Structure formats: structure tokens, C-alpha cells
Protein backbone atom coordinates (compact mmCIF):
# COMPACT_ATOMS: atom_id res chain seq x y z
CA MET A 1 0.17 -0.03 0.25
CA ILE A 2 2.77 2.33 0.89
CA THR A 3 4.43 1.76 -2.38
CA GLU A 4 1.39 2.32 -4.17
CA LEU A 5 0.67 5.60 -2.44
CA LEU A 6 4.45 6.84 -3.26
CA THR A 7 3.91 5.82 -6.82
CA ALA A 8 0.43 7.71 -6.97
CA MET A 9 2.10 10.81 -5.56
CA SER A 10 5.04 10.65 -7.83
CA LYS A 11 2.89 10.35 -10.89
CA ASP A 12 0.67 12.97 -9.88
CA MET A 13 3.37 15.58 -9.14
CA GLY A 14 5.90 14.30 -12.20
CA ILE A 15 8.48 13.64 -9.60
CA ASN A 16 10.76 10.67 -10.70
CA ARG A 17 13.17 8.88 -8.71
CA PHE A 18 16.68 9.74 -9.22
CA ALA A 19 19.32 6.97 -10.15
CA ASN A 20 20.27 5.18 -7.26
CA GLU A 21 18.01 7.33 -4.77
CA SER A 22 17.33 5.46 -1.40
CA ASN A 23 13.55 4.84 -0.73
CA ASP A 24 13.88 7.18 2.26
CA SER A 25 15.07 10.10 0.22
CA PHE A 26 12.43 9.61 -2.47
CA ALA A 27 9.70 9.47 0.12
CA TYR A 28 10.88 12.51 1.76
CA ARG A 29 11.02 14.44 -1.48
CA LEU A 30 7.50 13.37 -2.44
CA CYS A 31 6.22 14.26 1.00
CA TYR A 32 8.10 17.80 1.15
CA SER A 33 6.50 18.59 -2.50
CA ALA A 34 3.05 17.56 -1.49
CA LEU A 35 3.07 19.74 1.61
CA GLY A 36 3.81 22.58 -0.77
CA GLN A 37 1.13 21.46 -3.24
CA TRP A 38 -1.18 21.48 -0.40
CA CYS A 39 -0.42 24.80 0.87
CA LEU A 40 -1.05 26.00 -2.75
CA HIS A 41 -4.43 24.31 -3.14
CA THR A 42 -5.80 25.38 0.51
CA ALA A 43 -5.26 29.17 -0.90
CA ARG A 44 -7.76 28.24 -3.83
CA ASN A 45 -10.86 28.14 -1.47
CA SER A 46 -13.63 30.42 -1.47
CA ASN A 47 -15.74 30.30 1.75
CA GLY A 48 -18.57 32.74 2.54
CA GLY A 49 -17.23 35.44 0.25
CA ASN A 50 -13.36 35.27 1.46
CA ALA A 51 -11.21 33.96 -1.16
CA GLY A 52 -8.27 32.16 -0.15
CA THR A 53 -7.92 30.89 3.67
CA SER A 54 -6.54 31.93 6.82
CA LYS A 55 -2.87 31.50 7.78
CA HIS A 56 -3.98 29.61 10.69
CA ASN A 57 -6.11 27.31 8.67
CA GLN A 58 -3.08 26.55 6.25
CA THR A 59 -0.82 25.65 9.25
CA ILE A 60 -3.27 23.43 10.81
CA VAL A 61 -3.71 21.37 7.55
CA LEU A 62 0.00 21.24 6.87
CA ASN A 63 0.28 20.12 10.21
CA ASN A 64 -2.22 17.45 9.94
CA LEU A 65 -0.51 16.45 6.86
CA LEU A 66 2.95 16.25 8.51
CA GLU A 67 1.52 13.84 11.27
CA LYS A 68 -0.29 11.74 8.59
CA TYR A 69 3.32 11.48 6.68
CA THR A 70 5.03 10.62 10.10
CA GLU A 71 2.66 7.79 10.51
CA LEU A 72 2.72 6.50 7.13
CA PHE A 73 6.70 6.85 6.84
CA PRO A 74 8.14 6.89 10.23
CA TYR A 75 11.46 6.27 8.75
CA ILE A 76 11.46 9.79 7.54
CA GLY A 77 9.61 11.43 10.35
CA ASN A 78 12.58 13.08 12.05
CA ARG A 79 13.49 14.98 8.78
CA PHE A 80 10.32 17.00 9.33
CA THR A 81 11.25 18.29 12.63
CA ASP A 82 13.98 20.10 14.33
CA ALA A 83 14.52 18.01 17.78
CA SER A 84 16.72 21.07 18.90
CA ASN A 85 14.22 23.77 18.31
CA GLN A 86 10.61 23.05 18.96
CA TYR A 87 9.52 26.43 17.63
CA ASN A 88 10.79 25.69 14.26
CA ASN A 89 7.84 24.47 12.54
CA LEU A 90 8.03 23.24 9.09
CA SER A 91 4.35 23.97 8.29
CA VAL A 92 4.84 27.60 8.99
CA ALA A 93 8.30 27.96 7.09
CA ILE A 94 6.72 26.56 3.99
CA ARG A 95 3.69 28.79 4.16
CA ARG A 96 6.19 31.74 4.52
CA ILE A 97 8.34 30.73 1.77
CA TYR A 98 5.03 30.82 -0.43
CA GLU A 99 4.32 34.33 0.78
CA GLU A 100 7.86 35.70 0.30
CA THR A 101 8.13 34.24 -2.97
CA GLY A 102 4.76 35.71 -4.43
CA TYR A 103 2.85 32.37 -4.75
CA LEU A 104 0.60 33.59 -2.20
CA LEU A 105 -0.72 37.16 -1.50
CA THR A 106 -2.34 38.14 1.90
CA ASP A 107 -5.03 40.54 2.33
CA GLY A 108 -6.21 42.82 4.93
CA ASN A 109 -8.06 40.00 6.90
CA ASN A 110 -5.15 37.85 7.12
CA TYR A 111 -6.14 35.34 4.46
CA ASN A 112 -3.64 33.89 1.97
CA GLN A 113 -4.89 33.87 -1.69
CA LEU A 114 -3.34 32.19 -4.65
CA ALA A 115 -1.39 34.51 -7.15
CA ASN A 116 -2.78 32.89 -10.17
CA PHE A 117 -2.15 35.76 -12.65
CA GLY A 118 0.32 33.73 -15.23
CA ARG A 119 3.78 35.34 -13.98
CA CYS A 120 6.46 32.82 -14.58
CA ILE A 121 10.55 33.02 -14.56
CA PRO A 122 12.15 31.16 -17.81
CA ILE A 123 14.40 28.29 -16.43
CA SER A 124 16.10 25.67 -18.74
CA GLY A 125 13.29 25.30 -21.25
CA THR A 126 10.33 25.16 -18.70
CA SER A 127 9.06 27.88 -16.28
CA LEU A 128 8.71 28.41 -12.75
CA PHE A 129 5.32 29.12 -12.24
CA PHE A 130 3.60 31.26 -9.41
CA GLY A 131 0.23 29.69 -8.49
CA LEU A 132 -1.11 26.62 -9.97
CA PRO A 133 -1.33 26.40 -13.94
CA SER A 134 -4.40 25.05 -15.68
CA ASP A 135 -2.10 23.27 -17.97
CA ALA A 136 0.25 20.12 -17.46
CA TYR A 137 2.76 20.99 -14.74
CA THR A 138 5.46 19.32 -12.45
CA VAL A 139 6.74 19.98 -9.00
CA SER A 140 10.28 20.30 -7.90
CA GLY A 141 10.48 21.10 -4.19
CA LEU A 142 8.40 24.10 -3.45
CA GLY A 143 8.35 25.07 -7.06
CA VAL A 144 5.77 24.53 -9.89
CA PHE A 145 7.26 24.23 -13.30
CA ALA A 146 4.96 24.91 -16.61
CA SER A 147 4.95 26.22 -20.06
CA PRO A 148 5.91 29.82 -20.32
CA THR A 149 3.43 32.16 -19.93
CA ALA A 150 2.72 35.51 -21.47
CA CYS A 151 3.96 37.26 -18.28
CA VAL A 152 7.54 36.61 -18.18
CA VAL A 153 9.94 37.91 -15.37
CA SER A 154 13.57 37.65 -15.44
CA SER A 155 15.30 36.15 -12.40
CA LYS A 156 17.18 39.50 -11.87
CA GLU A 157 13.86 41.05 -11.31
CA PHE A 158 12.14 38.52 -9.16
CA LEU A 159 15.33 38.52 -6.96
CA ILE A 160 16.46 42.13 -7.08
CA ARG A 161 13.49 44.26 -6.29
CA ASP A 162 15.19 47.78 -6.40
CA ASP A 163 17.46 49.43 -8.77
CA LEU A 164 20.31 50.26 -6.45
CA THR A 165 23.81 49.73 -7.32
CA CYS A 166 25.90 47.30 -4.86
CA ASN A 167 27.60 50.43 -3.24
CA GLU A 168 24.33 52.23 -3.06
CA TYR A 169 22.85 49.03 -1.37
CA PHE A 170 25.59 48.87 1.18
CA ASN A 171 25.21 52.49 1.87
CA SER A 172 21.66 52.29 2.66
CA ARG A 173 22.11 49.02 4.83
CA PHE A 174 25.57 49.69 6.48
CA ASP A 175 26.47 52.81 8.81
CA LEU A 176 30.35 53.53 7.92
CA LEU A 177 30.33 54.40 11.94
CA ASP A 178 29.99 50.98 12.88
CA PHE A 179 33.46 50.29 11.13
CA TYR A 180 35.49 53.12 12.81
CA ASP A 181 38.37 52.05 14.97
CA ARG A 182 36.94 51.53 18.58
CA ASP A 183 38.49 50.16 21.65
CA ILE A 184 37.44 46.67 20.94
CA ASP A 185 39.34 43.36 21.24
CA VAL A 186 39.60 42.14 17.74
CA ASP A 187 38.26 38.54 18.81
CA GLN A 188 34.85 40.44 19.85
CA LEU A 189 34.33 41.80 16.44
CA GLU A 190 31.43 40.37 14.60
CA PHE A 191 31.22 42.06 11.07
CA PHE A 192 33.63 43.45 8.58
CA ASN A 193 33.40 46.39 6.23
CA PRO A 194 31.86 45.08 3.01
CA LEU A 195 32.99 48.03 1.02
């Protein structure tokens, strides 16, 4: 039954096993990608006039899925949690990644909605798609890949959201006063002058 589930998940998301990949690694990649897909799918909801879903609900759904995956695949359960930090929640981390990369848009009511307007970044013959495309797509980690769309964004536009030069950026972020000579032991310095 477990093998059939992994095969179905693999087929649905278009994720193939790497050459010589262990069962544990393959199961983890599938479960991790499925968590991302569920995060996107919950944001497609429409309930009582509200589009999307609350952040709280998204976290609950992902936490429930994590519990199920841990029950089904106990041998990879430790990869979903950080035993050294109980506050490091994978469900919240996945949700935040999607919010920060522009897959999810948060409205005034703290609801996440799917940003499904066809924006994509071309990558090696395919495109990283923001949202869930209506055509065929594949999944890799937390990314959704599909055919290029009309709204193409360069990776530079996506990653660099201002038009500052490197020196202008450094000057806007670092106060040169922080780098003047001080009466501080060299071993206590925690930074260096990036200029």
C-alpha cells in the first residue's frame, strides 16, 4: 500500500526517482513537495465571500498532513522536525516561503490567496510558475514548473526588487560609523566592512 501511495504521488506531481536514490530520500522528496502543493491548494478555497484561507487554517492543514506522513513513513519523520528547536515549525516555514516568493498574497483579513495570474520565470526550457497553472505542470521541491506564459519575469527582476547599485545598497544598509576604529578586542568583532 505504501509503495502504491508513493507511486501515485510521484505520478501526480511528475516527480521521478533519481538514479540510485534511496527509498527514504524519494519518500521525503514526495512528501515535502506534496506539503507545498497542499499549501497552494488551500489558498484556492472560497468560503463565505472570502477568497483564500486564513494563515492559521493553512498551518493546521499542513500540520495534520505532517502527522499523517510521519505515521505512514516513520523512517523519514525525523526529517520534518528539528529536535533542537521545538519552535522551528516546517508548516509555518513552507507557508512563509510561498508568501515571500509571491505564490501567496495576504489580504487585509490575514487570508492567503493564490497569486494565479500567470507570472513565470524562464528556467532551462521550462518556467517556474507562480500559482497553480491550468495546463500540465511538474513539481520540484516547492516550485511549480509549467510552459512559459505571457507574463515573463527575469530572475534578476524577481530576486532584485530595487534598482540600487551594489555600493548604493551597502550604503543604505550599513552605517560606516560601525566600522570606525574602536577600543574593542579583535576577537569580539562580529562583522567586517563590506566596502
